[in-house]
C-alpha atoms as a PDB file:
ATOM      1  CA  UNK A   1       7.394  46.923 -26.500  1.00  0.00           C
ATOM      2  CA  UNK A   2       4.865  49.615 -25.562  1.00  0.00           C
ATOM      3  CA  UNK A   3       2.225  49.260 -28.249  1.00  0.00           C
ATOM      4  CA  UNK A   4       1.165  46.814 -30.956  1.00  0.00           C
ATOM      5  CA  UNK A   5      -1.172  48.170 -33.631  1.00  0.00           C
ATOM      6  CA  UNK A   6      -3.155  45.536 -35.525  1.00  0.00           C
ATOM      7  CA  UNK A   7      -4.719  46.543 -38.860  1.00  0.00           C
ATOM      8  CA  UNK A   8      -6.953  44.009 -40.648  1.00  0.00           C
ATOM      9  CA  UNK A   9      -6.881  44.621 -44.381  1.00  0.00           C
ATOM     10  CA  UNK A  10      -9.017  43.301 -47.211  1.00  0.00           C
ATOM     11  CA  UNK A  11      -8.416  45.083 -50.532  1.00  0.00           C
ATOM     12  CA  UNK A  12      -7.126  48.209 -48.779  1.00  0.00           C
ATOM     13  CA  UNK A  13      -4.469  49.162 -51.348  1.00  0.00           C
ATOM     14  CA  UNK A  14      -5.884  52.665 -51.791  1.00  0.00           C
ATOM     15  CA  UNK A  15      -6.067  53.587 -48.097  1.00  0.00           C
ATOM     16  CA  UNK A  16      -3.309  51.580 -46.451  1.00  0.00           C
ATOM     17  CA  UNK A  17      -0.257  53.669 -47.395  1.00  0.00           C
ATOM     18  CA  UNK A  18      -1.807  56.761 -45.814  1.00  0.00           C
ATOM     19  CA  UNK A  19      -2.789  54.749 -42.759  1.00  0.00           C
ATOM     20  CA  UNK A  20       0.708  53.324 -42.241  1.00  0.00           C
ATOM     21  CA  UNK A  21       2.320  56.748 -42.583  1.00  0.00           C
ATOM     22  CA  UNK A  22      -0.133  58.253 -40.095  1.00  0.00           C
ATOM     23  CA  UNK A  23       0.361  55.451 -37.567  1.00  0.00           C
ATOM     24  CA  UNK A  24       4.154  55.609 -37.839  1.00  0.00           C
ATOM     25  CA  UNK A  25       4.207  59.384 -37.419  1.00  0.00           C
ATOM     26  CA  UNK A  26       1.857  59.151 -34.435  1.00  0.00           C
ATOM     27  CA  UNK A  27       3.861  56.491 -32.602  1.00  0.00           C
ATOM     28  CA  UNK A  28       7.237  58.066 -33.352  1.00  0.00           C
ATOM     29  CA  UNK A  29       6.103  61.505 -32.186  1.00  0.00           C
ATOM     30  CA  UNK A  30       5.175  60.005 -28.806  1.00  0.00           C
ATOM     31  CA  UNK A  31       8.430  58.132 -28.433  1.00  0.00           C
ATOM     32  CA  UNK A  32       6.708  54.757 -28.335  1.00  0.00           C
ATOM     33  CA  UNK A  33       8.426  51.453 -28.899  1.00  0.00           C
ATOM     34  CA  UNK A  34       5.875  49.919 -31.238  1.00  0.00           C
ATOM     35  CA  UNK A  35       5.046  47.425 -33.950  1.00  0.00           C
ATOM     36  CA  UNK A  36       2.447  47.460 -36.710  1.00  0.00           C
ATOM     37  CA  UNK A  37       0.893  44.180 -37.798  1.00  0.00           C
ATOM     38  CA  UNK A  38      -1.089  44.264 -41.035  1.00  0.00           C
ATOM     39  CA  UNK A  39      -3.218  41.163 -41.529  1.00  0.00           C
ATOM     40  CA  UNK A  40      -3.885  40.755 -45.236  1.00  0.00           C
ATOM     41  CA  UNK A  41      -7.125  38.785 -45.297  1.00  0.00           C
ATOM     42  CA  UNK A  42      -7.001  37.268 -48.773  1.00  0.00           C
ATOM     43  CA  UNK A  43      -6.887  40.553 -50.683  1.00  0.00           C
ATOM     44  CA  UNK A  44      -7.103  40.384 -54.465  1.00  0.00           C
ATOM     45  CA  UNK A  45      -5.584  43.820 -55.072  1.00  0.00           C
ATOM     46  CA  UNK A  46      -2.080  45.097 -54.300  1.00  0.00           C
ATOM     47  CA  UNK A  47      -2.482  45.240 -50.511  1.00  0.00           C
ATOM     48  CA  UNK A  48       0.200  42.652 -49.748  1.00  0.00           C
ATOM     49  CA  UNK A  49       2.694  44.142 -52.222  1.00  0.00           C
ATOM     50  CA  UNK A  50       2.197  47.611 -50.768  1.00  0.00           C
ATOM     51  CA  UNK A  51       2.937  46.357 -47.259  1.00  0.00           C
ATOM     52  CA  UNK A  52       6.029  44.489 -48.447  1.00  0.00           C
ATOM     53  CA  UNK A  53       7.306  47.673 -50.080  1.00  0.00           C
ATOM     54  CA  UNK A  54       6.748  49.586 -46.840  1.00  0.00           C
ATOM     55  CA  UNK A  55       8.506  46.891 -44.813  1.00  0.00           C
ATOM     56  CA  UNK A  56      11.744  47.933 -46.448  1.00  0.00           C
ATOM     57  CA  UNK A  57      11.291  51.387 -44.946  1.00  0.00           C
ATOM     58  CA  UNK A  58       9.837  50.312 -41.592  1.00  0.00           C
ATOM     59  CA  UNK A  59      11.504  47.600 -39.532  1.00  0.00           C
ATOM     60  CA  UNK A  60       8.573  47.790 -37.139  1.00  0.00           C
ATOM     61  CA  UNK A  61       6.086  46.592 -39.776  1.00  0.00           C
ATOM     62  CA  UNK A  62       4.948  42.984 -40.149  1.00  0.00           C
ATOM     63  CA  UNK A  63       2.696  41.333 -42.708  1.00  0.00           C
ATOM     64  CA  UNK A  64       0.502  38.348 -41.902  1.00  0.00           C
ATOM     65  CA  UNK A  65      -1.409  36.879 -44.831  1.00  0.00           C
ATOM     66  CA  UNK A  66      -4.333  34.533 -45.317  1.00  0.00           C
ATOM     67  CA  UNK A  67      -4.657  32.639 -48.582  1.00  0.00           C
ATOM     68  CA  UNK A  68      -8.327  33.551 -48.830  1.00  0.00           C
ATOM     69  CA  UNK A  69     -10.784  35.902 -47.159  1.00  0.00           C
ATOM     70  CA  UNK A  70     -11.490  34.499 -43.686  1.00  0.00           C
ATOM     71  CA  UNK A  71     -13.395  37.475 -42.239  1.00  0.00           C
ATOM     72  CA  UNK A  72     -12.518  40.525 -40.179  1.00  0.00           C
ATOM     73  CA  UNK A  73     -12.918  38.660 -36.900  1.00  0.00           C
ATOM     74  CA  UNK A  74     -10.392  36.022 -37.950  1.00  0.00           C
ATOM     75  CA  UNK A  75      -7.922  38.656 -39.175  1.00  0.00           C
ATOM     76  CA  UNK A  76      -8.118  40.661 -35.960  1.00  0.00           C
ATOM     77  CA  UNK A  77      -7.695  37.540 -33.822  1.00  0.00           C
ATOM     78  CA  UNK A  78      -4.690  36.463 -35.879  1.00  0.00           C
ATOM     79  CA  UNK A  79      -2.999  39.841 -35.461  1.00  0.00           C
ATOM     80  CA  UNK A  80      -3.796  40.251 -31.764  1.00  0.00           C
ATOM     81  CA  UNK A  81      -2.483  36.814 -30.819  1.00  0.00           C
ATOM     82  CA  UNK A  82       0.748  37.488 -32.750  1.00  0.00           C
ATOM     83  CA  UNK A  83       1.268  40.918 -31.141  1.00  0.00           C
ATOM     84  CA  UNK A  84       4.042  41.446 -28.581  1.00  0.00           C
ATOM     85  CA  UNK A  85       3.184  44.845 -27.131  1.00  0.00           C
ATOM     86  CA  UNK A  86       2.169  45.553 -23.549  1.00  0.00           C
ATOM     87  CA  UNK A  87      -0.898  47.256 -25.040  1.00  0.00           C
ATOM     88  CA  UNK A  88      -2.621  46.016 -28.191  1.00  0.00           C
ATOM     89  CA  UNK A  89      -4.804  48.281 -30.350  1.00  0.00           C
ATOM     90  CA  UNK A  90      -6.780  47.152 -33.347  1.00  0.00           C
ATOM     91  CA  UNK A  91      -8.054  49.746 -35.783  1.00  0.00           C
ATOM     92  CA  UNK A  92      -9.450  50.063 -39.303  1.00  0.00           C
ATOM     93  CA  UNK A  93      -7.212  50.756 -42.292  1.00  0.00           C
ATOM     94  CA  UNK A  94      -9.505  53.541 -43.520  1.00  0.00           C
ATOM     95  CA  UNK A  95      -8.791  55.624 -40.376  1.00  0.00           C
ATOM     96  CA  UNK A  96     -12.507  55.946 -39.683  1.00  0.00           C
ATOM     97  CA  UNK A  97     -11.313  56.518 -36.122  1.00  0.00           C
ATOM     98  CA  UNK A  98      -8.022  58.451 -36.332  1.00  0.00           C
ATOM     99  CA  UNK A  99      -5.075  56.766 -34.623  1.00  0.00           C
ATOM    100  CA  UNK A 100      -4.589  59.924 -32.553  1.00  0.00           C
ATOM    101  CA  UNK A 101      -7.688  58.942 -30.556  1.00  0.00           C
ATOM    102  CA  UNK A 102      -5.436  56.438 -28.789  1.00  0.00           C
ATOM    103  CA  UNK A 103      -4.361  59.358 -26.579  1.00  0.00           C
ATOM    104  CA  UNK A 104      -7.853  59.288 -25.046  1.00  0.00           C
ATOM    105  CA  UNK A 105      -7.483  55.592 -24.348  1.00  0.00           C
ATOM    106  CA  UNK A 106      -4.089  55.808 -22.683  1.00  0.00           C
ATOM    107  CA  UNK A 107      -5.377  57.619 -19.596  1.00  0.00           C
ATOM    108  CA  UNK A 108      -7.776  54.787 -18.786  1.00  0.00           C
ATOM    109  CA  UNK A 109      -5.248  52.072 -19.553  1.00  0.00           C
ATOM    110  CA  UNK A 110      -2.897  53.719 -17.069  1.00  0.00           C
ATOM    111  CA  UNK A 111      -5.703  53.716 -14.505  1.00  0.00           C
ATOM    112  CA  UNK A 112      -5.837  49.942 -14.764  1.00  0.00           C
ATOM    113  CA  UNK A 113      -8.658  49.226 -17.188  1.00  0.00           C
ATOM    114  CA  UNK A 114      -7.602  46.156 -19.213  1.00  0.00           C
ATOM    115  CA  UNK A 115     -10.143  46.761 -22.017  1.00  0.00           C
ATOM    116  CA  UNK A 116     -10.724  50.273 -23.373  1.00  0.00           C
ATOM    117  CA  UNK A 117     -12.947  50.684 -26.418  1.00  0.00           C
ATOM    118  CA  UNK A 118     -14.014  53.556 -28.625  1.00  0.00           C
ATOM    119  CA  UNK A 119     -17.673  54.531 -28.764  1.00  0.00           C
ATOM    120  CA  UNK A 120     -19.636  56.746 -31.142  1.00  0.00           C
ATOM    121  CA  UNK A 121     -22.719  56.797 -28.944  1.00  0.00           C
ATOM    122  CA  UNK A 122     -21.912  58.628 -25.721  1.00  0.00           C
ATOM    123  CA  UNK A 123     -21.440  62.281 -24.816  1.00  0.00           C
ATOM    124  CA  UNK A 124     -18.185  63.636 -26.208  1.00  0.00           C
ATOM    125  CA  UNK A 125     -18.133  61.443 -29.315  1.00  0.00           C
ATOM    126  CA  UNK A 126     -17.998  63.261 -32.636  1.00  0.00           C
ATOM    127  CA  UNK A 127     -19.321  61.761 -35.850  1.00  0.00           C
ATOM    128  CA  UNK A 128     -17.849  63.832 -38.640  1.00  0.00           C
ATOM    129  CA  UNK A 129     -19.542  61.937 -41.457  1.00  0.00           C
ATOM    130  CA  UNK A 130     -22.550  59.739 -40.812  1.00  0.00           C
ATOM    131  CA  UNK A 131     -23.365  56.381 -42.324  1.00  0.00           C
ATOM    132  CA  UNK A 132     -26.511  56.122 -44.444  1.00  0.00           C
ATOM    133  CA  UNK A 133     -29.620  56.221 -42.260  1.00  0.00           C
ATOM    134  CA  UNK A 134     -30.505  52.547 -42.761  1.00  0.00           C
ATOM    135  CA  UNK A 135     -27.049  51.397 -41.716  1.00  0.00           C
ATOM    136  CA  UNK A 136     -27.118  53.595 -38.624  1.00  0.00           C
ATOM    137  CA  UNK A 137     -30.514  52.207 -37.669  1.00  0.00           C
ATOM    138  CA  UNK A 138     -29.339  48.635 -38.211  1.00  0.00           C
ATOM    139  CA  UNK A 139     -26.288  49.331 -36.080  1.00  0.00           C
ATOM    140  CA  UNK A 140     -28.478  50.469 -33.210  1.00  0.00           C
ATOM    141  CA  UNK A 141     -30.671  47.386 -33.555  1.00  0.00           C
ATOM    142  CA  UNK A 142     -27.565  45.189 -33.495  1.00  0.00           C
ATOM    143  CA  UNK A 143     -26.357  46.935 -30.336  1.00  0.00           C
ATOM    144  CA  UNK A 144     -29.695  46.382 -28.611  1.00  0.00           C
ATOM    145  CA  UNK A 145     -29.730  42.719 -29.602  1.00  0.00           C
ATOM    146  CA  UNK A 146     -26.111  42.281 -28.521  1.00  0.00           C
ATOM    147  CA  UNK A 147     -26.851  43.684 -25.095  1.00  0.00           C
ATOM    148  CA  UNK A 148     -29.906  41.471 -24.715  1.00  0.00           C
ATOM    149  CA  UNK A 149     -28.223  38.284 -25.925  1.00  0.00           C
ATOM    150  CA  UNK A 150     -25.016  38.705 -23.910  1.00  0.00           C
ATOM    151  CA  UNK A 151     -25.845  40.886 -20.916  1.00  0.00           C
ATOM    152  CA  UNK A 152     -22.898  43.119 -21.837  1.00  0.00           C
ATOM    153  CA  UNK A 153     -23.731  46.772 -21.153  1.00  0.00           C
ATOM    154  CA  UNK A 154     -21.796  48.832 -23.668  1.00  0.00           C
ATOM    155  CA  UNK A 155     -23.168  51.505 -25.988  1.00  0.00           C
ATOM    156  CA  UNK A 156     -21.209  50.629 -29.137  1.00  0.00           C
ATOM    157  CA  UNK A 157     -20.062  47.097 -29.915  1.00  0.00           C
ATOM    158  CA  UNK A 158     -18.849  47.648 -33.462  1.00  0.00           C
ATOM    159  CA  UNK A 159     -16.588  50.710 -33.388  1.00  0.00           C
ATOM    160  CA  UNK A 160     -13.364  49.334 -34.872  1.00  0.00           C
ATOM    161  CA  UNK A 161     -11.032  50.955 -32.359  1.00  0.00           C
ATOM    162  CA  UNK A 162     -10.334  48.819 -29.298  1.00  0.00           C
ATOM    163  CA  UNK A 163      -7.387  48.422 -26.928  1.00  0.00           C
ATOM    164  CA  UNK A 164      -6.401  45.639 -24.552  1.00  0.00           C
ATOM    165  CA  UNK A 165      -3.670  44.871 -22.099  1.00  0.00           C
ATOM    166  CA  UNK A 166      -1.599  41.960 -23.378  1.00  0.00           C
ATOM    167  CA  UNK A 167      -2.870  39.703 -20.586  1.00  0.00           C
ATOM    168  CA  UNK A 168      -6.516  40.505 -21.369  1.00  0.00           C
ATOM    169  CA  UNK A 169      -5.968  40.138 -25.114  1.00  0.00           C
ATOM    170  CA  UNK A 170      -4.457  36.672 -24.778  1.00  0.00           C
ATOM    171  CA  UNK A 171      -7.259  35.454 -22.538  1.00  0.00           C
ATOM    172  CA  UNK A 172     -10.080  36.977 -24.610  1.00  0.00           C
ATOM    173  CA  UNK A 173      -8.974  36.304 -28.168  1.00  0.00           C
ATOM    174  CA  UNK A 174      -7.830  32.746 -27.480  1.00  0.00           C
ATOM    175  CA  UNK A 175     -11.500  32.009 -26.692  1.00  0.00           C
ATOM    176  CA  UNK A 176     -12.937  33.821 -29.731  1.00  0.00           C
ATOM    177  CA  UNK A 177     -14.844  31.519 -32.098  1.00  0.00           C
ATOM    178  CA  UNK A 178     -16.483  33.893 -34.614  1.00  0.00           C
ATOM    179  CA  UNK A 179     -14.720  35.092 -37.759  1.00  0.00           C
ATOM    180  CA  UNK A 180     -17.287  37.517 -39.202  1.00  0.00           C
ATOM    181  CA  UNK A 181     -18.573  40.991 -38.263  1.00  0.00           C
ATOM    182  CA  UNK A 182     -20.230  39.756 -35.060  1.00  0.00           C
ATOM    183  CA  UNK A 183     -16.837  39.005 -33.480  1.00  0.00           C
ATOM    184  CA  UNK A 184     -16.908  42.411 -31.729  1.00  0.00           C
ATOM    185  CA  UNK A 185     -19.863  41.304 -29.647  1.00  0.00           C
ATOM    186  CA  UNK A 186     -18.211  38.006 -28.808  1.00  0.00           C
ATOM    187  CA  UNK A 187     -14.922  39.468 -27.592  1.00  0.00           C
ATOM    188  CA  UNK A 188     -16.686  42.018 -25.367  1.00  0.00           C
ATOM    189  CA  UNK A 189     -18.933  39.286 -24.019  1.00  0.00           C
ATOM    190  CA  UNK A 190     -15.854  37.176 -23.245  1.00  0.00           C
ATOM    191  CA  UNK A 191     -14.143  40.141 -21.592  1.00  0.00           C
ATOM    192  CA  UNK A 192     -17.089  40.669 -19.267  1.00  0.00           C
ATOM    193  CA  UNK A 193     -17.466  37.011 -18.413  1.00  0.00           C
ATOM    194  CA  UNK A 194     -13.733  36.681 -17.704  1.00  0.00           C
ATOM    195  CA  UNK A 195     -13.957  39.583 -15.243  1.00  0.00           C
ATOM    196  CA  UNK A 196     -12.160  42.257 -17.248  1.00  0.00           C
ATOM    197  CA  UNK A 197     -13.493  45.768 -16.674  1.00  0.00           C
ATOM    198  CA  UNK A 198     -14.470  47.539 -19.891  1.00  0.00           C
ATOM    199  CA  UNK A 199     -14.137  51.304 -20.270  1.00  0.00           C
ATOM    200  CA  UNK A 200     -15.848  53.114 -23.137  1.00  0.00           C
ATOM    201  CA  UNK A 201     -14.216  56.289 -24.403  1.00  0.00           C
ATOM    202  CA  UNK A 202     -15.932  58.684 -26.843  1.00  0.00           C
ATOM    203  CA  UNK A 203     -13.972  59.077 -30.078  1.00  0.00           C
ATOM    204  CA  UNK A 204     -14.037  60.898 -33.380  1.00  0.00           C
ATOM    205  CA  UNK A 205     -15.405  58.802 -36.193  1.00  0.00           C
ATOM    206  CA  UNK A 206     -16.106  59.332 -39.872  1.00  0.00           C
ATOM    207  CA  UNK A 207     -17.781  57.023 -42.370  1.00  0.00           C
ATOM    208  CA  UNK A 208     -15.071  56.456 -44.949  1.00  0.00           C
ATOM    209  CA  UNK A 209     -17.427  55.317 -47.723  1.00  0.00           C
ATOM    210  CA  UNK A 210     -16.844  52.371 -50.013  1.00  0.00           C
ATOM    211  CA  UNK A 211     -18.102  49.968 -47.365  1.00  0.00           C
ATOM    212  CA  UNK A 212     -17.921  46.247 -48.107  1.00  0.00           C
ATOM    213  CA  UNK A 213     -20.931  45.578 -45.902  1.00  0.00           C
ATOM    214  CA  UNK A 214     -23.803  43.849 -47.730  1.00  0.00           C
ATOM    215  CA  UNK A 215     -26.770  44.851 -45.609  1.00  0.00           C
ATOM    216  CA  UNK A 216     -29.097  41.864 -45.870  1.00  0.00           C
ATOM    217  CA  UNK A 217     -26.424  39.180 -46.024  1.00  0.00           C
ATOM    218  CA  UNK A 218     -24.331  40.650 -43.230  1.00  0.00           C
ATOM    219  CA  UNK A 219     -27.372  41.432 -41.076  1.00  0.00           C
ATOM    220  CA  UNK A 220     -28.381  37.778 -41.258  1.00  0.00           C
ATOM    221  CA  UNK A 221     -24.812  36.624 -40.599  1.00  0.00           C
ATOM    222  CA  UNK A 222     -24.512  38.935 -37.594  1.00  0.00           C
ATOM    223  CA  UNK A 223     -27.806  37.727 -36.140  1.00  0.00           C
ATOM    224  CA  UNK A 224     -26.662  34.122 -36.514  1.00  0.00           C
ATOM    225  CA  UNK A 225     -23.431  35.161 -34.816  1.00  0.00           C
ATOM    226  CA  UNK A 226     -25.381  36.463 -31.835  1.00  0.00           C
ATOM    227  CA  UNK A 227     -27.223  33.155 -31.612  1.00  0.00           C
ATOM    228  CA  UNK A 228     -23.863  31.354 -31.561  1.00  0.00           C
ATOM    229  CA  UNK A 229     -22.597  33.636 -28.797  1.00  0.00           C
ATOM    230  CA  UNK A 230     -25.729  32.966 -26.763  1.00  0.00           C
ATOM    231  CA  UNK A 231     -25.314  29.228 -27.296  1.00  0.00           C
ATOM    232  CA  UNK A 232     -21.675  29.460 -26.202  1.00  0.00           C
ATOM    233  CA  UNK A 233     -22.753  31.290 -23.057  1.00  0.00           C
ATOM    234  CA  UNK A 234     -25.225  28.507 -22.231  1.00  0.00           C
ATOM    235  CA  UNK A 235     -22.458  25.959 -22.812  1.00  0.00           C
ATOM    236  CA  UNK A 236     -20.232  28.009 -20.443  1.00  0.00           C
ATOM    237  CA  UNK A 237     -17.606  28.098 -23.188  1.00  0.00           C
ATOM    238  CA  UNK A 238     -16.367  31.516 -22.083  1.00  0.00           C
ATOM    239  CA  UNK A 239     -16.275  30.831 -18.331  1.00  0.00           C
END
């Protein structure tokens, strides 16, 4: 299998059908042998039912479900470790980064980079619709703290568009311990400490609106996550 596409989903009934159609059309047009894994993370809307309906039309579609909301980090880990593709991509259901941006990743994967991630913060990136100013500022603060706490030199930890070779994915995600928003920092920290080269690729990105981020609560949770990552580094948990 060429490509596994992992989509974490929490109450994504309104956006998921469009996402699945777009992903299927993209992969089919490129002649890829692929699978799509939707991880329903305890949704209370019709997310699971929508995926089951689509499974009748798409034999390449799988549904993994959690009985309650475990967090985006847990959902992504669950999907990645279940994936069978030579390359594993995880992306957001709202298509904030269009699936077509994978074409930019492929070049670097073919050059031997085992971890290729999207970034909104280098030359060539295009933000079509910005987040509110406070959220953008908090994102930059989180990036600075992540770099300081982990020693990982990337410009954008939290862009939800990341690809891995299957070997790298197994080694990285099997060591992941965080389930919340700060998991992005942890997996990139693990990648670096396990010796996997990370390539950042500028991508298109658009704030989809309707965010489920609660600024104060999630800022505190993310900071605590960074402390846990730092503690894990000191314990040599990732080495």
